[in-house]
């Protein structure tokens, strides 16, 4: 997992999206500004999916391997990318 180089003091995500991420085994560590840990985004492919580097958690239920790439469909991670571009 990669720590983002971009400094964002606080990430705000709607409660509705947090409730959709029922399979998060990292306890929303992507929202922790001190020890932010999340898969590194490569680029967005839609409002609901992003390509991420394969250096993230191999046990994430939101990862889909697609050809040589890895797609993330975690509602929280995708919202962070769409809103903050990290």
C-alpha atoms as a PDB file:
ATOM      1  CA  UNK A   1       0.000   0.000   0.000  1.00  0.00           C
ATOM      2  CA  UNK A   2       1.208   3.449  -0.770  1.00  0.00           C
ATOM      3  CA  UNK A   3       0.984   6.634   1.189  1.00  0.00           C
ATOM      4  CA  UNK A   4      -0.077   9.505  -0.992  1.00  0.00           C
ATOM      5  CA  UNK A   5       2.449  12.288  -1.566  1.00  0.00           C
ATOM      6  CA  UNK A   6      -0.323  14.849  -1.880  1.00  0.00           C
ATOM      7  CA  UNK A   7      -0.983  16.580   1.440  1.00  0.00           C
ATOM      8  CA  UNK A   8      -4.678  16.708   2.233  1.00  0.00           C
ATOM      9  CA  UNK A   9      -5.392  17.689   5.812  1.00  0.00           C
ATOM     10  CA  UNK A  10      -8.851  16.193   5.982  1.00  0.00           C
ATOM     11  CA  UNK A  11     -10.802  13.912   3.690  1.00  0.00           C
ATOM     12  CA  UNK A  12     -14.553  14.273   3.891  1.00  0.00           C
ATOM     13  CA  UNK A  13     -16.643  11.372   2.656  1.00  0.00           C
ATOM     14  CA  UNK A  14     -20.397  11.143   2.969  1.00  0.00           C
ATOM     15  CA  UNK A  15     -21.764   8.673   5.491  1.00  0.00           C
ATOM     16  CA  UNK A  16     -23.771   7.056   2.697  1.00  0.00           C
ATOM     17  CA  UNK A  17     -20.554   6.021   0.920  1.00  0.00           C
ATOM     18  CA  UNK A  18     -18.992   4.729   4.124  1.00  0.00           C
ATOM     19  CA  UNK A  19     -22.047   2.559   4.670  1.00  0.00           C
ATOM     20  CA  UNK A  20     -21.684   1.111   1.157  1.00  0.00           C
ATOM     21  CA  UNK A  21     -18.116  -0.024   1.857  1.00  0.00           C
ATOM     22  CA  UNK A  22     -19.204  -2.948   3.999  1.00  0.00           C
ATOM     23  CA  UNK A  23     -16.241  -5.111   2.991  1.00  0.00           C
ATOM     24  CA  UNK A  24     -13.454  -2.732   4.053  1.00  0.00           C
ATOM     25  CA  UNK A  25     -10.993  -4.806   6.078  1.00  0.00           C
ATOM     26  CA  UNK A  26      -8.618  -1.842   6.594  1.00  0.00           C
ATOM     27  CA  UNK A  27     -11.050   0.061   8.840  1.00  0.00           C
ATOM     28  CA  UNK A  28     -11.061   3.061   6.482  1.00  0.00           C
ATOM     29  CA  UNK A  29      -7.345   3.745   6.900  1.00  0.00           C
ATOM     30  CA  UNK A  30      -7.600   5.816   3.711  1.00  0.00           C
ATOM     31  CA  UNK A  31      -9.340   8.500   5.794  1.00  0.00           C
ATOM     32  CA  UNK A  32      -6.629   8.676   8.478  1.00  0.00           C
ATOM     33  CA  UNK A  33      -4.635  11.834   7.741  1.00  0.00           C
ATOM     34  CA  UNK A  34      -1.757  10.779  10.010  1.00  0.00           C
ATOM     35  CA  UNK A  35      -1.234   7.280   8.613  1.00  0.00           C
ATOM     36  CA  UNK A  36      -3.174   7.343   5.367  1.00  0.00           C
ATOM     37  CA  UNK A  37      -2.849   4.007   3.647  1.00  0.00           C
ATOM     38  CA  UNK A  38      -4.576   3.222   0.397  1.00  0.00           C
ATOM     39  CA  UNK A  39      -3.903   1.663  -2.964  1.00  0.00           C
ATOM     40  CA  UNK A  40      -2.157   4.080  -5.285  1.00  0.00           C
ATOM     41  CA  UNK A  41      -4.464   5.266  -8.047  1.00  0.00           C
ATOM     42  CA  UNK A  42      -3.260   5.238 -11.634  1.00  0.00           C
ATOM     43  CA  UNK A  43      -6.300   6.810 -13.322  1.00  0.00           C
ATOM     44  CA  UNK A  44     -10.068   6.851 -13.299  1.00  0.00           C
ATOM     45  CA  UNK A  45     -12.065   4.880 -15.832  1.00  0.00           C
ATOM     46  CA  UNK A  46     -15.552   5.896 -14.715  1.00  0.00           C
ATOM     47  CA  UNK A  47     -17.268   7.495 -11.754  1.00  0.00           C
ATOM     48  CA  UNK A  48     -17.394   4.067 -10.076  1.00  0.00           C
ATOM     49  CA  UNK A  49     -14.028   2.475 -10.948  1.00  0.00           C
ATOM     50  CA  UNK A  50     -10.345   3.408 -10.919  1.00  0.00           C
ATOM     51  CA  UNK A  51      -7.214   1.586 -11.981  1.00  0.00           C
ATOM     52  CA  UNK A  52      -4.791   1.125  -9.080  1.00  0.00           C
ATOM     53  CA  UNK A  53      -1.237  -0.152  -8.884  1.00  0.00           C
ATOM     54  CA  UNK A  54      -0.860  -3.758  -7.833  1.00  0.00           C
ATOM     55  CA  UNK A  55       1.124  -2.829  -4.727  1.00  0.00           C
ATOM     56  CA  UNK A  56      -2.006  -2.658  -2.568  1.00  0.00           C
ATOM     57  CA  UNK A  57      -3.509  -5.233  -0.276  1.00  0.00           C
ATOM     58  CA  UNK A  58      -3.802  -8.602  -2.027  1.00  0.00           C
ATOM     59  CA  UNK A  59      -6.826  -9.475   0.109  1.00  0.00           C
ATOM     60  CA  UNK A  60      -9.061  -6.533  -0.723  1.00  0.00           C
ATOM     61  CA  UNK A  61     -12.563  -7.544  -1.784  1.00  0.00           C
ATOM     62  CA  UNK A  62     -12.826  -4.415  -3.928  1.00  0.00           C
ATOM     63  CA  UNK A  63      -9.930  -5.347  -6.246  1.00  0.00           C
ATOM     64  CA  UNK A  64     -10.561  -6.864  -9.648  1.00  0.00           C
ATOM     65  CA  UNK A  65      -7.694  -8.060 -11.806  1.00  0.00           C
ATOM     66  CA  UNK A  66      -8.257  -7.079 -15.422  1.00  0.00           C
ATOM     67  CA  UNK A  67      -5.593  -8.074 -17.928  1.00  0.00           C
ATOM     68  CA  UNK A  68      -2.359  -6.497 -16.721  1.00  0.00           C
ATOM     69  CA  UNK A  69      -4.198  -3.977 -14.551  1.00  0.00           C
ATOM     70  CA  UNK A  70      -6.058  -3.841 -11.280  1.00  0.00           C
ATOM     71  CA  UNK A  71      -9.413  -2.141 -10.895  1.00  0.00           C
ATOM     72  CA  UNK A  72     -10.739  -0.797  -7.605  1.00  0.00           C
ATOM     73  CA  UNK A  73     -14.456  -0.442  -7.057  1.00  0.00           C
ATOM     74  CA  UNK A  74     -14.410   0.533  -3.373  1.00  0.00           C
ATOM     75  CA  UNK A  75     -16.962   3.343  -3.082  1.00  0.00           C
ATOM     76  CA  UNK A  76     -14.802   5.238  -0.571  1.00  0.00           C
ATOM     77  CA  UNK A  77     -11.509   4.911  -2.472  1.00  0.00           C
ATOM     78  CA  UNK A  78     -13.149   5.888  -5.762  1.00  0.00           C
ATOM     79  CA  UNK A  79     -14.798   8.915  -4.117  1.00  0.00           C
ATOM     80  CA  UNK A  80     -11.426  10.010  -2.711  1.00  0.00           C
ATOM     81  CA  UNK A  81      -9.880   9.779  -6.178  1.00  0.00           C
ATOM     82  CA  UNK A  82     -12.758  11.601  -7.865  1.00  0.00           C
ATOM     83  CA  UNK A  83     -12.830  14.388  -5.291  1.00  0.00           C
ATOM     84  CA  UNK A  84      -9.154  14.859  -4.362  1.00  0.00           C
ATOM     85  CA  UNK A  85      -7.295  13.202  -7.271  1.00  0.00           C
ATOM     86  CA  UNK A  86      -5.211  11.087  -4.927  1.00  0.00           C
END
